[in-house]
Amino acid sequence: MTENKLLAKLSKSLKTQIVTWISESTSDTCGFGYYANGALLREVLVTGGKVESKGSRLAAEGKVVWKDAGEDDLQHVVKGLGPAFDSLPKGINYRIYDLDETGQ
């Protein structure tokens, strides 16, 4: 989620929308980024109830109150922005990164 310039460049060169998201319970962190046409259009990051955001609210966010949001709220927004994470339909390319928290 932190490589904004690279992700914006990829959305332009691939002529596609890019959705990034994070949900990490230990630090009480969740958020997403939405890129289209070479630009970061929306980004929300919530850590311990503190909200940082960029861009205008998207319709997919509905009435989510980000300071109180959890993983279910985040997943609902992400599904509204693109293909669902839990079902990988044909013709959709995914890159999923699971970070190794053990440092190994």
Protein backbone atom coordinates (compact mmCIF):
# COMPACT_ATOMS: atom_id res chain seq x y z
CA MET A 1 0.00 0.00 0.00
CA THR A 2 2.91 2.38 0.43
CA GLU A 3 4.23 2.34 -3.14
CA ASN A 4 1.79 4.98 -4.41
CA LYS A 5 3.88 6.19 -7.35
CA LEU A 6 4.58 2.65 -8.58
CA LEU A 7 0.95 1.53 -8.21
CA ALA A 8 -0.32 4.64 -10.01
CA LYS A 9 2.17 4.03 -12.82
CA LEU A 10 1.06 0.39 -13.09
CA SER A 11 -2.62 1.35 -13.24
CA LYS A 12 -1.79 3.64 -16.16
CA SER A 13 0.49 1.26 -18.07
CA LEU A 14 -1.83 -1.73 -17.56
CA LYS A 15 -4.93 0.41 -18.24
CA THR A 16 -6.65 -1.05 -15.20
CA GLN A 17 -7.88 -0.29 -11.73
CA ILE A 18 -5.78 -1.44 -8.80
CA VAL A 19 -7.14 -2.08 -5.32
CA THR A 20 -4.79 -2.63 -2.39
CA TRP A 21 -5.84 -3.38 1.16
CA ILE A 22 -4.52 -4.32 4.56
CA SER A 23 -6.14 -5.84 7.62
CA GLU A 24 -3.90 -6.55 10.60
CA SER A 25 -5.50 -7.31 13.95
CA THR A 26 -2.44 -7.07 16.21
CA SER A 27 -1.93 -3.37 15.45
CA ASP A 28 -5.66 -2.76 14.89
CA THR A 29 -4.91 -1.55 11.34
CA CYS A 30 -7.05 -1.69 8.23
CA GLY A 31 -7.29 0.28 5.04
CA PHE A 32 -7.32 0.32 1.26
CA GLY A 33 -6.02 2.18 -1.76
CA TYR A 34 -7.77 2.63 -5.10
CA TYR A 35 -5.89 3.56 -8.27
CA ALA A 36 -7.28 4.24 -11.74
CA ASN A 37 -5.98 5.94 -14.88
CA GLY A 38 -2.55 6.48 -13.37
CA ALA A 39 -3.69 8.15 -10.16
CA LEU A 40 -4.35 7.31 -6.54
CA LEU A 41 -8.02 8.28 -6.26
CA ARG A 42 -8.70 7.15 -2.70
CA GLU A 43 -6.74 5.87 0.25
CA VAL A 44 -7.86 5.16 3.81
CA LEU A 45 -5.67 3.87 6.62
CA VAL A 46 -7.06 3.31 10.12
CA THR A 47 -4.74 2.48 13.01
CA GLY A 48 -6.22 2.19 16.49
CA GLY A 49 -9.21 4.32 15.50
CA LYS A 50 -7.05 7.11 14.00
CA VAL A 51 -8.06 7.71 10.38
CA GLU A 52 -5.79 9.01 7.63
CA SER A 53 -7.41 9.48 4.22
CA LYS A 54 -6.75 10.94 0.80
CA GLY A 55 -9.18 11.62 -2.02
CA SER A 56 -12.94 11.78 -2.14
CA ARG A 57 -15.11 9.12 -0.56
CA LEU A 58 -16.17 6.41 -3.04
CA ALA A 59 -19.69 5.02 -3.48
CA ALA A 60 -18.34 1.57 -2.53
CA GLU A 61 -17.60 2.89 0.97
CA GLY A 62 -21.29 3.32 1.65
CA LYS A 63 -21.84 4.53 5.19
CA VAL A 64 -18.69 3.00 6.69
CA VAL A 65 -17.49 4.99 9.69
CA TRP A 66 -13.78 4.40 9.32
CA LYS A 67 -12.75 5.14 12.91
CA ASP A 68 -14.98 2.23 13.98
CA ALA A 69 -14.40 -0.01 10.93
CA GLY A 70 -13.28 -3.61 11.07
CA GLU A 71 -12.30 -6.31 8.61
CA ASP A 72 -15.89 -7.01 7.54
CA ASP A 73 -16.41 -3.33 6.64
CA LEU A 74 -13.14 -3.31 4.73
CA GLN A 75 -13.97 -6.49 2.80
CA HIS A 76 -17.37 -5.06 1.85
CA VAL A 77 -15.67 -1.95 0.40
CA VAL A 78 -13.02 -3.99 -1.43
CA LYS A 79 -15.69 -6.25 -2.97
CA GLY A 80 -17.51 -3.12 -4.13
CA LEU A 81 -14.39 -1.93 -5.94
CA GLY A 82 -13.55 -5.11 -7.81
CA PRO A 83 -13.53 -8.88 -7.85
CA ALA A 84 -14.08 -10.55 -4.51
CA PHE A 85 -10.98 -11.83 -2.75
CA ASP A 86 -12.61 -15.14 -1.85
CA SER A 87 -13.62 -16.12 -5.39
CA LEU A 88 -11.14 -15.95 -8.24
CA PRO A 89 -13.13 -15.82 -11.50
CA LYS A 90 -11.52 -16.69 -14.82
CA GLY A 91 -9.95 -13.81 -16.69
CA ILE A 92 -8.96 -11.85 -13.58
CA ASN A 93 -5.27 -11.61 -12.70
CA TYR A 94 -4.46 -11.36 -9.01
CA ARG A 95 -1.27 -10.72 -7.12
CA ILE A 96 -1.74 -11.56 -3.47
CA TYR A 97 1.04 -10.86 -1.01
CA ASP A 98 0.94 -12.37 2.47
CA LEU A 99 3.61 -10.74 4.58
CA ASP A 100 5.75 -12.97 6.76
CA GLU A 101 5.36 -11.41 10.21
CA THR A 102 7.98 -13.68 11.78
CA GLY A 103 10.81 -12.01 9.86
CA GLN A 104 12.06 -15.32 8.48
